[in-house]
Protein backbone atom coordinates (compact mmCIF):
# COMPACT_ATOMS: atom_id res chain seq x y z
CA UNK A 1 -86.77 86.43 44.09
CA UNK A 2 -84.31 88.51 41.21
CA UNK A 3 -82.18 90.84 42.39
CA UNK A 4 -81.02 93.00 39.60
CA UNK A 5 -81.78 91.72 35.94
CA UNK A 6 -82.25 88.56 33.92
CA UNK A 7 -81.57 88.15 30.54
CA UNK A 8 -82.53 86.03 27.17
CA UNK A 9 -81.83 82.61 26.76
CA UNK A 10 -78.91 82.48 24.69
CA UNK A 11 -79.63 81.31 21.16
CA UNK A 12 -78.02 80.69 17.81
CA UNK A 13 -76.69 84.08 16.69
CA UNK A 14 -79.41 84.30 13.77
CA UNK A 15 -82.31 83.97 16.74
CA UNK A 16 -80.61 86.77 18.82
CA UNK A 17 -82.08 90.13 18.91
CA UNK A 18 -79.72 93.16 18.26
CA UNK A 19 -79.01 94.54 21.82
CA UNK A 20 -79.58 98.68 22.50
CA UNK A 21 -75.46 99.98 22.25
CA UNK A 22 -76.58 101.46 26.35
CA UNK A 23 -77.07 98.16 27.28
CA UNK A 24 -75.59 96.57 30.49
CA UNK A 25 -72.72 93.85 30.44
CA UNK A 26 -74.20 90.77 30.81
CA UNK A 27 -72.50 87.47 33.25
CA UNK A 28 -74.39 84.45 32.97
CA UNK A 29 -74.95 81.09 35.22
CA UNK A 30 -77.25 78.97 34.04
CA UNK A 31 -80.72 78.53 34.93
CA UNK A 32 -81.32 74.78 37.15
CA UNK A 33 -82.56 72.02 34.53
CA UNK A 34 -85.63 72.13 36.55
CA UNK A 35 -86.94 75.14 35.90
CA UNK A 36 -87.16 74.26 32.41
CA UNK A 37 -90.22 72.29 31.58
CA UNK A 38 -90.38 69.18 29.24
CA UNK A 39 -94.65 68.95 29.45
CA UNK A 40 -96.98 69.96 26.74
CA UNK A 41 -99.33 72.52 27.10
CA UNK A 42 -102.19 71.21 29.35
CA UNK A 43 -104.78 71.81 26.06
CA UNK A 44 -102.61 69.37 24.42
CA UNK A 45 -104.21 66.22 22.81
CA UNK A 46 -102.62 63.09 25.13
CA UNK A 47 -102.23 65.10 28.18
CA UNK A 48 -99.44 64.79 30.49
CA UNK A 49 -100.10 65.95 33.47
CA UNK A 50 -103.87 66.83 34.87
CA UNK A 51 -102.67 70.69 36.30
CA UNK A 52 -103.19 73.52 33.94
CA UNK A 53 -100.69 75.84 36.38
CA UNK A 54 -98.31 73.11 36.38
CA UNK A 55 -98.81 72.65 32.85
CA UNK A 56 -98.07 76.32 31.37
CA UNK A 57 -96.92 77.71 34.35
CA UNK A 58 -93.64 78.13 32.34
CA UNK A 59 -95.11 79.46 29.36
CA UNK A 60 -95.00 75.83 27.61
CA UNK A 61 -91.58 76.17 27.57
CA UNK A 62 -90.80 72.49 26.06
CA UNK A 63 -87.92 70.20 25.76
CA UNK A 64 -86.82 72.76 22.66
CA UNK A 65 -84.67 74.44 25.81
CA UNK A 66 -82.45 71.18 26.20
CA UNK A 67 -80.80 72.00 22.74
CA UNK A 68 -80.37 75.66 23.62
CA UNK A 69 -77.72 77.94 26.37
CA UNK A 70 -79.96 79.61 29.21
CA UNK A 71 -78.56 82.02 31.24
CA UNK A 72 -79.18 85.12 33.70
CA UNK A 73 -78.00 87.93 34.26
CA UNK A 74 -76.77 88.84 37.44
CA UNK A 75 -74.48 91.72 38.95
CA UNK A 76 -75.64 94.40 36.31
CA UNK A 77 -77.56 97.60 37.75
CA UNK A 78 -80.74 98.73 35.79
CA UNK A 79 -80.38 102.00 36.51
CA UNK A 80 -83.05 104.19 38.72
CA UNK A 81 -86.67 103.60 38.04
CA UNK A 82 -85.73 100.86 35.35
CA UNK A 83 -87.82 97.69 35.65
CA UNK A 84 -86.10 94.21 35.94
CA UNK A 85 -87.31 91.76 33.10
CA UNK A 86 -86.74 88.24 31.35
CA UNK A 87 -87.22 87.91 27.90
CA UNK A 88 -87.59 84.15 27.15
CA UNK A 89 -87.48 82.36 23.94
CA UNK A 90 -89.92 79.80 23.76
CA UNK A 91 -91.62 77.90 20.97
CA UNK A 92 -95.34 77.13 23.18
CA UNK A 93 -97.43 74.32 22.48
CA UNK A 94 -101.39 75.36 21.60
CA UNK A 95 -103.97 73.55 19.90
CA UNK A 96 -103.42 73.58 16.22
CA UNK A 97 -99.88 74.33 16.19
CA UNK A 98 -97.05 75.68 17.91
CA UNK A 99 -96.09 79.68 18.12
CA UNK A 100 -93.68 80.90 16.37
CA UNK A 101 -90.24 81.66 17.84
CA UNK A 102 -90.84 84.62 20.17
CA UNK A 103 -89.31 86.16 22.73
CA UNK A 104 -91.59 86.85 26.40
CA UNK A 105 -90.86 89.69 28.69
CA UNK A 106 -91.89 88.92 32.53
CA UNK A 107 -91.32 92.09 34.16
CA UNK A 108 -90.28 91.57 37.58
CA UNK A 109 -90.55 94.95 39.68
CA UNK A 110 -93.21 96.10 42.76
CA UNK A 111 -96.66 97.64 41.16
CA UNK A 112 -96.45 101.76 40.86
CA UNK A 113 -99.96 101.60 42.18
CA UNK A 114 -98.56 99.97 45.20
CA UNK A 115 -100.58 96.80 45.60
CA UNK A 116 -100.51 95.07 49.19
CA UNK A 117 -98.45 91.85 49.06
CA UNK A 118 -100.54 89.31 48.06
CA UNK A 119 -101.12 86.56 50.75
CA UNK A 120 -101.70 83.54 50.19
CA UNK A 121 -104.94 83.10 52.36
CA UNK A 122 -107.20 85.47 50.87
CA UNK A 123 -105.55 86.31 46.91
CA UNK A 124 -106.74 87.51 43.67
CA UNK A 125 -104.54 87.81 40.89
CA UNK A 126 -105.81 89.97 37.45
CA UNK A 127 -104.83 89.23 34.13
CA UNK A 128 -105.18 91.81 32.06
CA UNK A 129 -105.09 91.20 27.86
CA UNK A 130 -103.73 94.13 26.07
CA UNK A 131 -103.29 95.33 22.41
CA UNK A 132 -102.55 98.43 21.55
CA UNK A 133 -104.21 100.15 24.78
CA UNK A 134 -101.97 102.62 26.07
CA UNK A 135 -105.16 105.29 25.98
CA UNK A 136 -107.18 102.65 28.07
CA UNK A 137 -104.66 101.29 30.43
CA UNK A 138 -104.19 104.06 32.81
CA UNK A 139 -107.76 103.83 33.29
CA UNK A 140 -108.17 100.48 34.53
CA UNK A 141 -104.99 99.98 36.17
CA UNK A 142 -105.86 103.55 38.45
CA UNK A 143 -109.11 101.52 39.30
CA UNK A 144 -107.54 98.70 41.26
CA UNK A 145 -104.91 100.85 43.10
CA UNK A 146 -107.63 100.83 45.78
CA UNK A 147 -109.48 97.41 45.75
CA UNK A 148 -109.30 94.67 48.33
CA UNK A 149 -108.36 92.30 49.24
CA UNK A 150 -104.70 91.52 48.38
CA UNK A 151 -104.07 91.92 44.34
CA UNK A 152 -101.57 90.02 42.19
CA UNK A 153 -101.53 92.05 38.91
CA UNK A 154 -100.46 90.48 35.86
CA UNK A 155 -100.78 92.43 32.44
CA UNK A 156 -100.48 90.06 29.07
CA UNK A 157 -99.47 92.03 26.16
CA UNK A 158 -100.32 90.99 22.67
CA UNK A 159 -97.48 92.06 20.52
CA UNK A 160 -98.00 96.59 21.26
CA UNK A 161 -96.49 98.76 19.09
CA UNK A 162 -97.94 101.65 20.56
CA UNK A 163 -95.83 102.72 23.77
CA UNK A 164 -97.98 100.63 25.82
CA UNK A 165 -94.66 98.24 26.73
CA UNK A 166 -92.81 101.97 28.09
CA UNK A 167 -95.57 102.55 29.41
CA UNK A 168 -95.96 99.52 31.77
CA UNK A 169 -92.07 99.77 32.66
CA UNK A 170 -92.43 102.99 33.65
CA UNK A 171 -95.58 102.15 35.92
CA UNK A 172 -93.88 98.84 37.12
CA UNK A 173 -96.43 97.35 36.41
CA UNK A 174 -95.70 93.38 35.76
CA UNK A 175 -95.74 92.21 32.62
CA UNK A 176 -95.80 89.54 29.36
CA UNK A 177 -94.82 91.11 26.47
CA UNK A 178 -95.97 88.46 23.14
CA UNK A 179 -94.30 88.79 19.66
CA UNK A 180 -98.19 89.30 18.05
CA UNK A 181 -101.35 88.99 18.78
CA UNK A 182 -102.01 85.86 20.05
CA UNK A 183 -105.68 86.01 20.91
CA UNK A 184 -107.41 86.77 24.46
CA UNK A 185 -108.05 83.64 25.08
CA UNK A 186 -104.33 83.21 25.01
CA UNK A 187 -103.34 85.94 26.90
CA UNK A 188 -105.69 84.58 29.57
CA UNK A 189 -104.53 81.20 29.85
CA UNK A 190 -100.90 81.94 29.65
CA UNK A 191 -101.60 85.14 32.50
CA UNK A 192 -103.62 82.54 35.18
CA UNK A 193 -100.59 80.28 34.34
CA UNK A 194 -97.91 82.57 35.87
CA UNK A 195 -99.64 83.96 38.73
CA UNK A 196 -99.97 81.98 42.15
CA UNK A 197 -103.49 83.41 43.57
CA UNK A 198 -105.99 80.98 44.49
CA UNK A 199 -108.61 83.11 42.42
CA UNK A 200 -108.46 84.42 38.60
CA UNK A 201 -110.19 87.75 38.00
CA UNK A 202 -109.93 88.19 33.71
CA UNK A 203 -110.19 92.08 33.14
CA UNK A 204 -110.12 93.17 29.89
CA UNK A 205 -108.10 96.25 29.24
CA UNK A 206 -111.05 98.59 28.40
CA UNK A 207 -112.86 98.15 31.93
CA UNK A 208 -112.63 100.38 34.99
CA UNK A 209 -113.63 98.73 38.15
CA UNK A 210 -115.78 100.60 41.37
CA UNK A 211 -114.40 100.33 44.70
CA UNK A 212 -115.21 97.32 46.71
CA UNK A 213 -115.63 95.35 43.32
CA UNK A 214 -113.31 93.02 44.09
CA UNK A 215 -114.18 91.89 47.53
CA UNK A 216 -117.80 91.59 46.73
CA UNK A 217 -116.89 89.05 44.04
CA UNK A 218 -114.27 87.19 46.34
CA UNK A 219 -117.15 87.12 49.06
CA UNK A 220 -119.62 85.40 47.14
CA UNK A 221 -117.18 83.14 45.33
CA UNK A 222 -116.39 81.98 49.19
CA UNK A 223 -119.61 81.67 50.38
CA UNK A 224 -120.52 79.09 48.11
CA UNK A 225 -117.95 75.80 46.79
CA UNK A 226 -120.26 74.92 44.22
CA UNK A 227 -119.56 78.36 41.85
CA UNK A 228 -116.90 78.12 39.10
CA UNK A 229 -116.92 82.12 38.98
CA UNK A 230 -118.73 85.07 39.48
CA UNK A 231 -119.63 88.26 37.60
CA UNK A 232 -119.85 91.79 38.72
CA UNK A 233 -122.59 93.96 36.97
CA UNK A 234 -121.01 95.45 34.07
CA UNK A 235 -122.06 99.05 32.94
CA UNK A 236 -121.95 101.08 29.84
CA UNK A 237 -118.95 102.77 30.10
CA UNK A 238 -120.22 105.94 27.77
CA UNK A 239 -118.72 108.71 28.97
CA UNK A 240 -118.15 111.47 31.91
CA UNK A 241 -119.14 111.27 35.02
CA UNK A 242 -119.83 108.00 35.41
CA UNK A 243 -123.00 107.65 37.62
CA UNK A 244 -123.72 103.29 38.19
CA UNK A 245 -127.61 104.75 38.96
CA UNK A 246 -128.01 105.57 35.87
CA UNK A 247 -125.82 103.80 33.38
CA UNK A 248 -126.82 101.18 30.64
CA UNK A 249 -126.07 97.63 31.49
CA UNK A 250 -123.77 95.84 29.23
CA UNK A 251 -124.15 92.64 31.05
CA UNK A 252 -125.87 91.13 34.21
CA UNK A 253 -124.66 87.92 33.13
CA UNK A 254 -125.00 85.20 29.96
CA UNK A 255 -127.95 83.46 29.07
CA UNK A 256 -128.37 81.06 25.86
CA UNK A 257 -131.43 81.15 23.44
CA UNK A 258 -133.21 78.04 22.73
CA UNK A 259 -130.95 77.28 19.98
CA UNK A 260 -127.82 77.84 22.00
CA UNK A 261 -126.54 81.45 20.65
CA UNK A 262 -125.79 82.89 23.88
CA UNK A 263 -126.52 86.88 24.47
CA UNK A 264 -125.74 89.22 27.46
CA UNK A 265 -128.53 89.95 29.68
CA UNK A 266 -129.91 93.05 29.59
CA UNK A 267 -127.24 94.46 27.05
CA UNK A 268 -127.62 97.75 26.21
CA UNK A 269 -130.99 98.26 28.25
CA UNK A 270 -131.35 99.89 31.71
CA UNK A 271 -130.79 98.47 34.76
CA UNK A 272 -134.46 97.10 35.44
CA UNK A 273 -135.03 95.22 39.09
CA UNK A 274 -135.50 91.75 37.88
CA UNK A 275 -131.69 91.87 36.52
CA UNK A 276 -130.60 93.79 39.70
CA UNK A 277 -130.79 90.94 41.94
CA UNK A 278 -128.09 88.45 43.02
CA UNK A 279 -129.03 85.13 41.59
CA UNK A 280 -127.20 81.86 39.75
CA UNK A 281 -126.72 82.46 35.72
CA UNK A 282 -126.14 80.44 32.70
CA UNK A 283 -122.37 81.71 32.55
CA UNK A 284 -120.07 85.28 33.33
CA UNK A 285 -118.85 87.56 30.38
CA UNK A 286 -115.08 87.33 29.74
CA UNK A 287 -114.98 91.14 29.54
CA UNK A 288 -114.87 90.68 33.73
CA UNK A 289 -115.14 87.45 35.75
CA UNK A 290 -113.68 85.89 38.91
CA UNK A 291 -112.76 82.62 38.37
CA UNK A 292 -111.85 79.19 40.86
CA UNK A 293 -107.89 78.17 39.77
CA UNK A 294 -109.55 74.68 40.04
CA UNK A 295 -112.05 75.60 37.13
CA UNK A 296 -108.91 76.26 35.23
CA UNK A 297 -107.15 73.05 36.74
CA UNK A 298 -110.59 71.46 35.35
CA UNK A 299 -111.24 72.04 32.17
CA UNK A 300 -107.61 73.90 30.96
CA UNK A 301 -108.37 77.02 30.89
CA UNK A 302 -110.26 78.96 27.47
CA UNK A 303 -109.90 76.90 24.60
CA UNK A 304 -107.16 79.25 23.16
CA UNK A 305 -108.39 77.87 19.16
CA UNK A 306 -111.36 80.32 19.46
CA UNK A 307 -108.42 83.22 19.54
CA UNK A 308 -111.77 85.72 20.24
CA UNK A 309 -114.82 85.76 20.84
CA UNK A 310 -117.22 83.29 22.21
CA UNK A 311 -114.12 81.90 24.02
CA UNK A 312 -116.38 82.93 27.21
CA UNK A 313 -119.40 80.94 26.22
CA UNK A 314 -117.65 77.77 25.65
CA UNK A 315 -115.64 78.32 29.18
CA UNK A 316 -118.99 78.27 31.03
CA UNK A 317 -120.73 75.55 28.74
CA UNK A 318 -118.00 72.98 29.52
CA UNK A 319 -117.42 74.03 33.12
CA UNK A 320 -121.37 73.25 33.12
CA UNK A 321 -121.26 69.99 31.77
CA UNK A 322 -118.56 69.41 34.65
CA UNK A 323 -120.55 70.40 37.60
CA UNK A 324 -119.62 74.17 38.36
CA UNK A 325 -122.36 76.86 38.67
CA UNK A 326 -121.92 80.86 38.19
CA UNK A 327 -123.51 83.65 40.28
CA UNK A 328 -124.53 87.06 38.90
CA UNK A 329 -122.70 89.73 41.66
CA UNK A 330 -125.04 92.89 41.48
CA UNK A 331 -122.98 94.35 43.99
CA UNK A 332 -119.75 94.45 42.55
CA UNK A 333 -119.83 97.56 39.37
CA UNK A 334 -117.21 97.26 36.79
CA UNK A 335 -117.44 99.88 33.65
CA UNK A 336 -116.93 98.20 30.19
CA UNK A 337 -116.65 99.92 27.27
CA UNK A 338 -116.89 96.43 24.50
CA UNK A 339 -114.46 96.05 21.80
CA UNK A 340 -112.14 98.99 22.20
CA UNK A 341 -109.03 97.89 21.51
CA UNK A 342 -110.54 95.50 18.45
CA UNK A 343 -112.17 98.35 16.78
CA UNK A 344 -109.30 101.02 17.23
CA UNK A 345 -106.46 98.76 15.68
CA UNK A 346 -108.01 95.73 13.67
CA UNK A 347 -107.36 96.21 9.89
CA UNK A 348 -111.18 95.37 8.80
CA UNK A 349 -112.54 94.90 12.65
CA UNK A 350 -116.19 93.74 11.22
CA UNK A 351 -114.92 91.45 9.25
CA UNK A 352 -113.00 89.81 11.35
CA UNK A 353 -115.45 89.83 14.21
CA UNK A 354 -118.15 88.49 11.53
CA UNK A 355 -115.97 85.89 10.56
CA UNK A 356 -114.63 84.90 14.73
CA UNK A 357 -118.27 85.08 15.78
CA UNK A 358 -119.48 83.06 13.73
CA UNK A 359 -116.75 80.09 13.58
CA UNK A 360 -116.56 79.82 17.05
CA UNK A 361 -120.81 80.08 18.02
CA UNK A 362 -120.90 77.04 15.92
CA UNK A 363 -118.25 75.24 16.71
CA UNK A 364 -119.76 75.72 20.30
CA UNK A 365 -123.30 74.55 19.22
CA UNK A 366 -122.09 71.40 18.13
CA UNK A 367 -120.69 70.39 21.24
CA UNK A 368 -123.65 70.86 23.21
CA UNK A 369 -127.03 71.93 21.29
CA UNK A 370 -129.66 68.92 20.99
CA UNK A 371 -129.67 67.60 17.77
CA UNK A 372 -133.77 68.37 17.98
CA UNK A 373 -132.57 71.27 17.42
CA UNK A 374 -131.02 71.43 14.46
CA UNK A 375 -134.13 72.50 12.27
CA UNK A 376 -133.87 76.29 14.09
CA UNK A 377 -129.98 75.95 13.65
CA UNK A 378 -130.26 75.80 9.98
CA UNK A 379 -133.14 78.87 9.87
CA UNK A 380 -130.56 81.05 12.49
CA UNK A 381 -127.59 80.35 10.21
CA UNK A 382 -129.46 81.20 7.48
CA UNK A 383 -130.58 83.99 8.82
CA UNK A 384 -127.30 85.28 9.80
CA UNK A 385 -125.72 85.15 6.06
CA UNK A 386 -128.14 86.87 4.74
CA UNK A 387 -127.94 90.19 7.45
CA UNK A 388 -124.31 89.79 6.48
CA UNK A 389 -124.80 90.21 2.86
CA UNK A 390 -126.54 93.09 3.39
CA UNK A 391 -124.07 94.56 5.80
CA UNK A 392 -121.35 93.59 3.40
CA UNK A 393 -119.70 90.86 5.24
CA UNK A 394 -121.00 87.91 3.73
CA UNK A 395 -117.66 86.80 2.47
CA UNK A 396 -116.53 86.82 6.16
CA UNK A 397 -119.23 85.16 7.71
CA UNK A 398 -119.35 82.13 5.57
CA UNK A 399 -115.91 81.89 6.06
CA UNK A 400 -115.90 81.89 9.68
CA UNK A 401 -119.01 78.86 9.81
CA UNK A 402 -116.70 76.68 6.89
CA UNK A 403 -113.95 77.06 8.78
CA UNK A 404 -116.06 75.39 11.92
CA UNK A 405 -117.75 72.25 10.00
CA UNK A 406 -114.38 71.58 8.93
CA UNK A 407 -113.64 70.76 12.60
CA UNK A 408 -116.97 69.38 12.72
CA UNK A 409 -115.20 65.63 13.38
CA UNK A 410 -113.49 66.59 16.55
CA UNK A 411 -116.38 69.04 17.55
CA UNK A 412 -118.43 65.99 17.54
CA UNK A 413 -116.10 64.20 19.32
CA UNK A 414 -116.02 66.66 22.11
CA UNK A 415 -119.61 66.54 21.91
CA UNK A 416 -119.56 62.83 22.64
CA UNK A 417 -117.08 63.28 25.37
CA UNK A 418 -119.40 65.70 27.61
CA UNK A 419 -122.58 63.02 26.64
CA UNK A 420 -120.65 60.01 28.55
CA UNK A 421 -119.48 62.10 31.69
CA UNK A 422 -123.28 63.14 31.51
CA UNK A 423 -122.53 66.64 31.54
CA UNK A 424 -124.88 67.74 28.37
CA UNK A 425 -128.13 68.05 30.63
CA UNK A 426 -126.60 70.20 32.46
CA UNK A 427 -125.91 72.70 30.03
CA UNK A 428 -129.08 71.96 28.18
CA UNK A 429 -131.29 72.82 30.73
CA UNK A 430 -130.54 76.58 30.59
CA UNK A 431 -131.84 76.75 26.76
CA UNK A 432 -134.02 79.74 26.43
CA UNK A 433 -134.14 80.20 30.16
CA UNK A 434 -133.10 84.15 30.34
CA UNK A 435 -133.20 85.46 33.50
CA UNK A 436 -135.31 82.71 34.97
CA UNK A 437 -133.11 79.70 36.83
CA UNK A 438 -134.11 77.00 34.76
């Protein structure tokens, strides 16, 4: 536990940040070398560790630290209300390369929402990726304050410039600050690697939980050891007042079409009785889902190359292939706006969405859909290009599909691995299943 404050890893002068004029004077002591991980992230080829938690616990910090001077500040008072924080310079690995030199700020103060101390027995970590979401954070964090059981909250900020960091510091919310938008998948993986709880609630910042939601999810997950994750009833957040009995559905679980495209069950429609029953589902929506840490350890977390969109579908596919199951828990209710930060902050949200969805959907299909469905996939892809042209998103959609095809050898290798391990059949049985379990 850090009694005062933490300082930056000392780097050559050109790489060091400029300190504010009123910053306290620092005295330093060396960080034990055992605290610095020399392993690659668990997502690298040539994996050197089987544990996602171990391999990414220190934000993927690599041997580069052995060439840098590391220090922790001590003895300096931060003043009333200040949030002690740690800033780390690192070059963490992710598939496709390393992030550029980045400064990571990690808050280390009690939560202003007054969550109770995390227990080792029954605990939940809540990981919230955030990008310029100052208008969304208060509602999301407030909805966590009354939840049971114990919560370990961590916000992963993706390079916000709208005052989000100042808000988190003022409120005393533990957070990791990244230098730029690294995507939803990377943010969740980073957060999951830094928390200690046995289960991880991946939560979009544009959500709000109804009382008792976390307890209902955890009870369902603990009742069946074969479950890798559970999903709440996701309702469309469309204004005030919020009435769970009349709201439209956002998702009652993920399902697959015959050609392997994923969709959210019931999205945009009324809460029909056949949708609102406890049942097994193909997979969970990444907007709000409670996952076992063992699942992250088994699979290496979300595939960070996806950046955003379809990363949850890919995780569901790999989890199913590995033998995990998922369940829909309608008693747990979570409100969701949907793409709120993305729509507000992306320069061209529709084009960005089109490119990433086209790329990630095709990449996922290549991994598991039977070859006999190739004509159907081709027809659907041709139709998507025509629709994109009518909506003036043809170039972005085509770029996405071509990007997936450039990864074809790698994706086919993943497909062969899943076949060797006997897992493709577990996924394919859900093609076209809809609401019913196959």
